[in-house]
Amino acid sequence: MEDRKIMATDPTLLEQEIMSDIDERRDLMSRLKALSPRYHFLPEDEALFLNYSIPIVYSIWEGFIQTSFQIYIRELNKLNLKISDICYPILIYHIESEFPQFKQYPEKDNLSKKVKFFEKLGQFYQSNTLEISANVNTESNVGFKVLNRILKDFKLDTILTHPEPNSNYSLQDDLDKFLLKIRNNVAHGQNSIVVHREDLDRAIKLVDRLMYLVFERIKTGFINKSYLR
């Protein structure tokens, strides 16, 4: 990185925006949890509601990942960082988002697409500052592997599978083998899935915990300027 002063960062706005989003999602999950007891659903209606409540909780989780990282990217873009300033993981994330041709190069006989690709690539390297792409690829399936891949893309600390020492509890199992498994089965029309109130409680607690863990990593990365090379 060239010797120049990077603008001082104030994490207050970043923290406020992400925490406001978390609070809204917590409120939504709380209302979701209270629906059945409040309106005294019949048993068959409650069973239907509970089954489809898990995909709703998952959508709240994936929506948080999109929103929180878009907030983070917006704050990074306010810093007017040069390409030579930015850390390689974010640079690679941006290039792969903006130039899919690196993954699937245009066919040999498609000269016009190749020309457009190299024109855009040339403009990118001639630019003074980097406007980081807000296209966060969640793969529509934010399991543990995808979550940590996104954190790595932004040079943030990953989340441990076993967050508590000497404990058998696995965040990865809770996310992949519980929340995602039920969500995917319901989404694919597998009617054999039976969801209980305890499952909804478990899903809400899991998403609440994961949102806070992601928030802490974004906040810490911003304060410590992990985005710099």
C-alpha atoms as a PDB file:
ATOM      1  CA  MET A   1       0.000   0.000   0.000  1.00  0.00           C
ATOM      2  CA  GLU A   2       1.402   3.430  -0.917  1.00  0.00           C
ATOM      3  CA  ASP A   3       2.291   5.841   1.859  1.00  0.00           C
ATOM      4  CA  ARG A   4      -0.808   7.972   2.220  1.00  0.00           C
ATOM      5  CA  LYS A   5      -3.166   8.716   5.071  1.00  0.00           C
ATOM      6  CA  ILE A   6      -6.371   6.687   5.110  1.00  0.00           C
ATOM      7  CA  MET A   7      -9.431   8.599   6.249  1.00  0.00           C
ATOM      8  CA  ALA A   8     -10.275   8.008   9.911  1.00  0.00           C
ATOM      9  CA  THR A   9     -13.214   5.679  10.380  1.00  0.00           C
ATOM     10  CA  ASP A  10     -16.133   6.216  12.728  1.00  0.00           C
ATOM     11  CA  PRO A  11     -17.868   2.903  13.461  1.00  0.00           C
ATOM     12  CA  THR A  12     -20.874   4.565  15.138  1.00  0.00           C
ATOM     13  CA  LEU A  13     -23.080   4.803  12.045  1.00  0.00           C
ATOM     14  CA  LEU A  14     -22.152   1.274  10.953  1.00  0.00           C
ATOM     15  CA  GLU A  15     -23.034  -0.121  14.384  1.00  0.00           C
ATOM     16  CA  GLN A  16     -26.284   1.813  14.590  1.00  0.00           C
ATOM     17  CA  GLU A  17     -27.477   0.700  11.151  1.00  0.00           C
ATOM     18  CA  ILE A  18     -26.705  -2.962  11.659  1.00  0.00           C
ATOM     19  CA  MET A  19     -28.103  -3.022  15.198  1.00  0.00           C
ATOM     20  CA  SER A  20     -31.272  -1.303  13.966  1.00  0.00           C
ATOM     21  CA  ASP A  21     -31.634  -4.032  11.346  1.00  0.00           C
ATOM     22  CA  ILE A  22     -31.058  -6.721  13.985  1.00  0.00           C
ATOM     23  CA  ASP A  23     -33.689  -5.161  16.259  1.00  0.00           C
ATOM     24  CA  GLU A  24     -36.250  -5.160  13.425  1.00  0.00           C
ATOM     25  CA  ARG A  25     -35.537  -8.805  12.671  1.00  0.00           C
ATOM     26  CA  ARG A  26     -35.731  -9.751  16.350  1.00  0.00           C
ATOM     27  CA  ASP A  27     -39.099  -8.001  16.596  1.00  0.00           C
ATOM     28  CA  LEU A  28     -40.345  -9.838  13.509  1.00  0.00           C
ATOM     29  CA  MET A  29     -39.260 -13.220  14.936  1.00  0.00           C
ATOM     30  CA  SER A  30     -40.888 -12.375  18.267  1.00  0.00           C
ATOM     31  CA  ARG A  31     -44.171 -11.602  16.519  1.00  0.00           C
ATOM     32  CA  LEU A  32     -43.875 -14.803  14.498  1.00  0.00           C
ATOM     33  CA  LYS A  33     -43.394 -16.809  17.695  1.00  0.00           C
ATOM     34  CA  ALA A  34     -46.425 -15.193  19.347  1.00  0.00           C
ATOM     35  CA  LEU A  35     -48.904 -15.738  16.492  1.00  0.00           C
ATOM     36  CA  SER A  36     -50.114 -19.213  17.357  1.00  0.00           C
ATOM     37  CA  PRO A  37     -50.595 -18.680  21.120  1.00  0.00           C
ATOM     38  CA  ARG A  38     -52.168 -15.263  20.552  1.00  0.00           C
ATOM     39  CA  TYR A  39     -54.789 -16.430  18.087  1.00  0.00           C
ATOM     40  CA  HIS A  40     -55.303 -19.925  19.507  1.00  0.00           C
ATOM     41  CA  PHE A  41     -54.729 -21.808  16.248  1.00  0.00           C
ATOM     42  CA  LEU A  42     -56.502 -25.109  15.803  1.00  0.00           C
ATOM     43  CA  PRO A  43     -54.053 -28.057  15.947  1.00  0.00           C
ATOM     44  CA  GLU A  44     -54.063 -28.603  12.178  1.00  0.00           C
ATOM     45  CA  ASP A  45     -53.604 -24.860  11.542  1.00  0.00           C
ATOM     46  CA  GLU A  46     -50.772 -24.669  14.045  1.00  0.00           C
ATOM     47  CA  ALA A  47     -49.028 -27.620  12.382  1.00  0.00           C
ATOM     48  CA  LEU A  48     -49.231 -25.861   9.009  1.00  0.00           C
ATOM     49  CA  PHE A  49     -48.052 -22.577  10.484  1.00  0.00           C
ATOM     50  CA  LEU A  50     -45.101 -24.161  12.289  1.00  0.00           C
ATOM     51  CA  ASN A  51     -43.907 -25.979   9.178  1.00  0.00           C
ATOM     52  CA  TYR A  52     -43.805 -22.773   7.157  1.00  0.00           C
ATOM     53  CA  SER A  53     -42.430 -20.682  10.014  1.00  0.00           C
ATOM     54  CA  ILE A  54     -38.962 -22.195   9.552  1.00  0.00           C
ATOM     55  CA  PRO A  55     -38.532 -20.919   5.956  1.00  0.00           C
ATOM     56  CA  ILE A  56     -39.633 -17.499   7.263  1.00  0.00           C
ATOM     57  CA  VAL A  57     -36.949 -17.580   9.978  1.00  0.00           C
ATOM     58  CA  TYR A  58     -34.394 -18.637   7.374  1.00  0.00           C
ATOM     59  CA  SER A  59     -35.405 -15.733   5.104  1.00  0.00           C
ATOM     60  CA  ILE A  60     -34.842 -13.379   8.048  1.00  0.00           C
ATOM     61  CA  TRP A  61     -31.365 -14.867   8.462  1.00  0.00           C
ATOM     62  CA  GLU A  62     -30.367 -14.628   4.796  1.00  0.00           C
ATOM     63  CA  GLY A  63     -31.833 -11.132   4.567  1.00  0.00           C
ATOM     64  CA  PHE A  64     -29.670 -10.064   7.494  1.00  0.00           C
ATOM     65  CA  ILE A  65     -26.514 -11.326   5.789  1.00  0.00           C
ATOM     66  CA  GLN A  66     -27.352  -9.367   2.638  1.00  0.00           C
ATOM     67  CA  THR A  67     -28.264  -6.182   4.497  1.00  0.00           C
ATOM     68  CA  SER A  68     -25.406  -6.182   7.024  1.00  0.00           C
ATOM     69  CA  PHE A  69     -22.715  -6.684   4.397  1.00  0.00           C
ATOM     70  CA  GLN A  70     -24.271  -4.099   2.107  1.00  0.00           C
ATOM     71  CA  ILE A  71     -24.123  -1.633   5.007  1.00  0.00           C
ATOM     72  CA  TYR A  72     -20.481  -2.589   5.576  1.00  0.00           C
ATOM     73  CA  ILE A  73     -19.638  -2.165   1.883  1.00  0.00           C
ATOM     74  CA  ARG A  74     -21.381   1.221   1.804  1.00  0.00           C
ATOM     75  CA  GLU A  75     -19.274   2.430   4.736  1.00  0.00           C
ATOM     76  CA  LEU A  76     -16.084   1.126   3.119  1.00  0.00           C
ATOM     77  CA  ASN A  77     -16.937   2.909  -0.121  1.00  0.00           C
ATOM     78  CA  LYS A  78     -17.224   6.195   1.766  1.00  0.00           C
ATOM     79  CA  LEU A  79     -13.479   5.906   2.485  1.00  0.00           C
ATOM     80  CA  ASN A  80     -12.576   6.300  -1.205  1.00  0.00           C
ATOM     81  CA  LEU A  81     -10.020   3.508  -1.015  1.00  0.00           C
ATOM     82  CA  LYS A  82      -7.580   2.977  -3.844  1.00  0.00           C
ATOM     83  CA  ILE A  83      -7.074  -0.426  -5.393  1.00  0.00           C
ATOM     84  CA  SER A  84      -3.597  -0.456  -3.833  1.00  0.00           C
ATOM     85  CA  ASP A  85      -5.140   0.181  -0.394  1.00  0.00           C
ATOM     86  CA  ILE A  86      -7.661  -2.619  -0.271  1.00  0.00           C
ATOM     87  CA  CYS A  87      -6.815  -6.074   1.051  1.00  0.00           C
ATOM     88  CA  TYR A  88      -6.569  -8.904  -1.458  1.00  0.00           C
ATOM     89  CA  PRO A  89      -9.616 -10.904  -0.244  1.00  0.00           C
ATOM     90  CA  ILE A  90     -11.949  -7.924  -0.817  1.00  0.00           C
ATOM     91  CA  LEU A  91     -10.227  -7.102  -4.101  1.00  0.00           C
ATOM     92  CA  ILE A  92     -10.717 -10.678  -5.307  1.00  0.00           C
ATOM     93  CA  TYR A  93     -14.353 -10.643  -4.122  1.00  0.00           C
ATOM     94  CA  HIS A  94     -14.951  -7.439  -6.089  1.00  0.00           C
ATOM     95  CA  ILE A  95     -13.228  -8.624  -9.268  1.00  0.00           C
ATOM     96  CA  GLU A  96     -15.089 -11.944  -9.266  1.00  0.00           C
ATOM     97  CA  SER A  97     -18.384 -10.092  -8.703  1.00  0.00           C
ATOM     98  CA  GLU A  98     -17.792  -7.573 -11.465  1.00  0.00           C
ATOM     99  CA  PHE A  99     -15.979  -9.805 -13.956  1.00  0.00           C
ATOM    100  CA  PRO A 100     -17.683 -13.216 -14.194  1.00  0.00           C
ATOM    101  CA  GLN A 101     -15.633 -13.728 -17.372  1.00  0.00           C
ATOM    102  CA  PHE A 102     -12.739 -14.866 -15.197  1.00  0.00           C
ATOM    103  CA  LYS A 103     -14.834 -17.888 -14.285  1.00  0.00           C
ATOM    104  CA  GLN A 104     -16.425 -18.385 -17.693  1.00  0.00           C
ATOM    105  CA  TYR A 105     -14.379 -16.784 -20.453  1.00  0.00           C
ATOM    106  CA  PRO A 106     -16.339 -15.804 -23.605  1.00  0.00           C
ATOM    107  CA  GLU A 107     -16.418 -18.340 -26.418  1.00  0.00           C
ATOM    108  CA  LYS A 108     -13.602 -18.174 -28.989  1.00  0.00           C
ATOM    109  CA  ASP A 109     -15.811 -16.768 -31.732  1.00  0.00           C
ATOM    110  CA  ASN A 110     -17.458 -14.106 -29.527  1.00  0.00           C
ATOM    111  CA  LEU A 111     -15.039 -11.230 -30.102  1.00  0.00           C
ATOM    112  CA  SER A 112     -17.455  -8.456 -29.089  1.00  0.00           C
ATOM    113  CA  LYS A 113     -17.881  -9.887 -25.576  1.00  0.00           C
ATOM    114  CA  LYS A 114     -14.110 -10.222 -25.228  1.00  0.00           C
ATOM    115  CA  VAL A 115     -13.610  -6.598 -26.274  1.00  0.00           C
ATOM    116  CA  LYS A 116     -16.211  -5.373 -23.753  1.00  0.00           C
ATOM    117  CA  PHE A 117     -14.572  -7.491 -21.049  1.00  0.00           C
ATOM    118  CA  PHE A 118     -11.095  -6.041 -21.616  1.00  0.00           C
ATOM    119  CA  GLU A 119     -12.431  -2.502 -21.978  1.00  0.00           C
ATOM    120  CA  LYS A 120     -14.171  -2.779 -18.611  1.00  0.00           C
ATOM    121  CA  LEU A 121     -11.101  -4.411 -17.070  1.00  0.00           C
ATOM    122  CA  GLY A 122      -8.882  -1.593 -18.357  1.00  0.00           C
ATOM    123  CA  GLN A 123     -11.222   1.053 -16.939  1.00  0.00           C
ATOM    124  CA  PHE A 124     -11.174  -0.757 -13.607  1.00  0.00           C
ATOM    125  CA  TYR A 125      -7.384  -0.636 -13.276  1.00  0.00           C
ATOM    126  CA  GLN A 126      -7.256   2.988 -14.432  1.00  0.00           C
ATOM    127  CA  SER A 127      -9.724   4.139 -11.787  1.00  0.00           C
ATOM    128  CA  ASN A 128      -8.432   6.091  -8.792  1.00  0.00           C
ATOM    129  CA  THR A 129     -10.726   4.597  -6.185  1.00  0.00           C
ATOM    130  CA  LEU A 130     -12.426   1.257  -5.738  1.00  0.00           C
ATOM    131  CA  GLU A 131     -16.223   1.203  -5.550  1.00  0.00           C
ATOM    132  CA  ILE A 132     -16.656  -2.205  -3.925  1.00  0.00           C
ATOM    133  CA  SER A 133     -19.446  -4.285  -5.420  1.00  0.00           C
ATOM    134  CA  ALA A 134     -22.517  -4.734  -3.212  1.00  0.00           C
ATOM    135  CA  ASN A 135     -23.370  -8.032  -4.905  1.00  0.00           C
ATOM    136  CA  VAL A 136     -23.017 -10.373  -1.921  1.00  0.00           C
ATOM    137  CA  ASN A 137     -23.392 -13.944  -3.167  1.00  0.00           C
ATOM    138  CA  THR A 138     -25.282 -15.937  -0.534  1.00  0.00           C
ATOM    139  CA  GLU A 139     -25.882 -18.803  -2.987  1.00  0.00           C
ATOM    140  CA  SER A 140     -29.497 -18.667  -1.666  1.00  0.00           C
ATOM    141  CA  ASN A 141     -28.362 -21.109   1.000  1.00  0.00           C
ATOM    142  CA  VAL A 142     -26.490 -19.443   3.857  1.00  0.00           C
ATOM    143  CA  GLY A 143     -25.169 -22.456   5.691  1.00  0.00           C
ATOM    144  CA  PHE A 144     -22.027 -22.551   7.799  1.00  0.00           C
ATOM    145  CA  LYS A 145     -19.647 -22.953   4.866  1.00  0.00           C
ATOM    146  CA  VAL A 146     -21.178 -20.079   2.893  1.00  0.00           C
ATOM    147  CA  LEU A 147     -21.273 -17.875   5.995  1.00  0.00           C
ATOM    148  CA  ASN A 148     -17.570 -18.318   6.690  1.00  0.00           C
ATOM    149  CA  ARG A 149     -16.747 -17.923   2.993  1.00  0.00           C
ATOM    150  CA  ILE A 150     -18.443 -14.513   3.003  1.00  0.00           C
ATOM    151  CA  LEU A 151     -16.571 -13.515   6.175  1.00  0.00           C
ATOM    152  CA  LYS A 152     -13.285 -14.560   4.535  1.00  0.00           C
ATOM    153  CA  ASP A 153     -14.189 -12.571   1.411  1.00  0.00           C
ATOM    154  CA  PHE A 154     -14.120  -9.455   3.592  1.00  0.00           C
ATOM    155  CA  LYS A 155     -11.111 -10.523   5.669  1.00  0.00           C
ATOM    156  CA  LEU A 156     -13.204 -10.899   8.818  1.00  0.00           C
ATOM    157  CA  ASP A 157     -12.814 -13.515  11.537  1.00  0.00           C
ATOM    158  CA  THR A 158     -14.693 -16.706  10.822  1.00  0.00           C
ATOM    159  CA  ILE A 159     -17.167 -18.296  13.243  1.00  0.00           C
ATOM    160  CA  LEU A 160     -16.139 -21.379  15.161  1.00  0.00           C
ATOM    161  CA  THR A 161     -18.086 -24.596  14.797  1.00  0.00           C
ATOM    162  CA  HIS A 162     -17.857 -25.134  18.551  1.00  0.00           C
ATOM    163  CA  PRO A 163     -18.052 -21.666  20.155  1.00  0.00           C
ATOM    164  CA  GLU A 164     -17.922 -22.931  23.741  1.00  0.00           C
ATOM    165  CA  PRO A 165     -14.785 -24.753  24.919  1.00  0.00           C
ATOM    166  CA  ASN A 166     -15.356 -28.283  26.208  1.00  0.00           C
ATOM    167  CA  SER A 167     -18.895 -28.318  24.800  1.00  0.00           C
ATOM    168  CA  ASN A 168     -20.422 -30.664  22.253  1.00  0.00           C
ATOM    169  CA  TYR A 169     -22.742 -27.938  20.975  1.00  0.00           C
ATOM    170  CA  SER A 170     -22.123 -27.251  17.279  1.00  0.00           C
ATOM    171  CA  LEU A 171     -23.266 -24.044  15.595  1.00  0.00           C
ATOM    172  CA  GLN A 172     -22.587 -25.706  12.261  1.00  0.00           C
ATOM    173  CA  ASP A 173     -24.921 -28.617  13.027  1.00  0.00           C
ATOM    174  CA  ASP A 174     -27.594 -26.254  14.337  1.00  0.00           C
ATOM    175  CA  LEU A 175     -27.459 -24.175  11.163  1.00  0.00           C
ATOM    176  CA  ASP A 176     -26.881 -26.880   8.530  1.00  0.00           C
ATOM    177  CA  LYS A 177     -28.542 -29.979   9.934  1.00  0.00           C
ATOM    178  CA  PHE A 178     -31.436 -28.212  11.637  1.00  0.00           C
ATOM    179  CA  LEU A 179     -32.438 -24.826  10.195  1.00  0.00           C
ATOM    180  CA  LEU A 180     -31.303 -25.345   6.595  1.00  0.00           C
ATOM    181  CA  LYS A 181     -32.403 -28.972   6.478  1.00  0.00           C
ATOM    182  CA  ILE A 182     -35.961 -28.177   7.578  1.00  0.00           C
ATOM    183  CA  ARG A 183     -36.133 -25.073   5.374  1.00  0.00           C
ATOM    184  CA  ASN A 184     -34.978 -26.972   2.290  1.00  0.00           C
ATOM    185  CA  ASN A 185     -37.272 -29.925   2.924  1.00  0.00           C
ATOM    186  CA  VAL A 186     -40.313 -27.673   3.354  1.00  0.00           C
ATOM    187  CA  ALA A 187     -39.317 -25.589   0.303  1.00  0.00           C
ATOM    188  CA  HIS A 188     -39.071 -28.773  -1.770  1.00  0.00           C
ATOM    189  CA  GLY A 189     -42.524 -29.935  -0.739  1.00  0.00           C
ATOM    190  CA  GLN A 190     -41.585 -32.764   1.620  1.00  0.00           C
ATOM    191  CA  ASN A 191     -44.720 -33.010   3.719  1.00  0.00           C
ATOM    192  CA  SER A 192     -43.278 -35.585   6.104  1.00  0.00           C
ATOM    193  CA  ILE A 193     -41.479 -32.849   8.055  1.00  0.00           C
ATOM    194  CA  VAL A 194     -43.079 -32.125  11.430  1.00  0.00           C
ATOM    195  CA  VAL A 195     -42.076 -28.903  13.189  1.00  0.00           C
ATOM    196  CA  HIS A 196     -42.872 -28.315  16.860  1.00  0.00           C
ATOM    197  CA  ARG A 197     -42.996 -25.085  18.852  1.00  0.00           C
ATOM    198  CA  GLU A 198     -39.653 -26.015  20.395  1.00  0.00           C
ATOM    199  CA  ASP A 199     -38.152 -26.144  16.893  1.00  0.00           C
ATOM    200  CA  LEU A 200     -39.363 -22.634  16.126  1.00  0.00           C
ATOM    201  CA  ASP A 201     -37.889 -21.412  19.433  1.00  0.00           C
ATOM    202  CA  ARG A 202     -34.606 -23.119  18.589  1.00  0.00           C
ATOM    203  CA  ALA A 203     -34.484 -21.577  15.100  1.00  0.00           C
ATOM    204  CA  ILE A 204     -35.149 -18.085  16.444  1.00  0.00           C
ATOM    205  CA  LYS A 205     -32.463 -18.392  19.129  1.00  0.00           C
ATOM    206  CA  LEU A 206     -29.980 -19.659  16.549  1.00  0.00           C
ATOM    207  CA  VAL A 207     -30.578 -16.774  14.125  1.00  0.00           C
ATOM    208  CA  ASP A 208     -30.477 -14.260  16.978  1.00  0.00           C
ATOM    209  CA  ARG A 209     -27.100 -15.610  18.074  1.00  0.00           C
ATOM    210  CA  LEU A 210     -25.657 -15.761  14.563  1.00  0.00           C
ATOM    211  CA  MET A 211     -26.722 -12.207  13.762  1.00  0.00           C
ATOM    212  CA  TYR A 212     -24.864 -10.920  16.804  1.00  0.00           C
ATOM    213  CA  LEU A 213     -21.740 -12.954  15.967  1.00  0.00           C
ATOM    214  CA  VAL A 214     -21.679 -11.571  12.425  1.00  0.00           C
ATOM    215  CA  PHE A 215     -22.276  -8.037  13.711  1.00  0.00           C
ATOM    216  CA  GLU A 216     -19.330  -8.334  16.120  1.00  0.00           C
ATOM    217  CA  ARG A 217     -17.024  -9.441  13.314  1.00  0.00           C
ATOM    218  CA  ILE A 218     -18.063  -6.649  10.982  1.00  0.00           C
ATOM    219  CA  LYS A 219     -17.693  -4.048  13.726  1.00  0.00           C
ATOM    220  CA  THR A 220     -14.279  -5.359  14.792  1.00  0.00           C
ATOM    221  CA  GLY A 221     -13.040  -5.529  11.212  1.00  0.00           C
ATOM    222  CA  PHE A 222     -14.132  -1.953  10.561  1.00  0.00           C
ATOM    223  CA  ILE A 223     -12.516  -0.618  13.741  1.00  0.00           C
ATOM    224  CA  ASN A 224      -9.270  -2.531  13.165  1.00  0.00           C
ATOM    225  CA  LYS A 225      -9.228  -1.643   9.445  1.00  0.00           C
ATOM    226  CA  SER A 226      -8.871  -5.253   8.365  1.00  0.00           C
ATOM    227  CA  TYR A 227      -9.982  -4.100   4.913  1.00  0.00           C
ATOM    228  CA  LEU A 228      -6.526  -2.574   4.291  1.00  0.00           C
ATOM    229  CA  ARG A 229      -3.671  -4.387   2.607  1.00  0.00           C
END
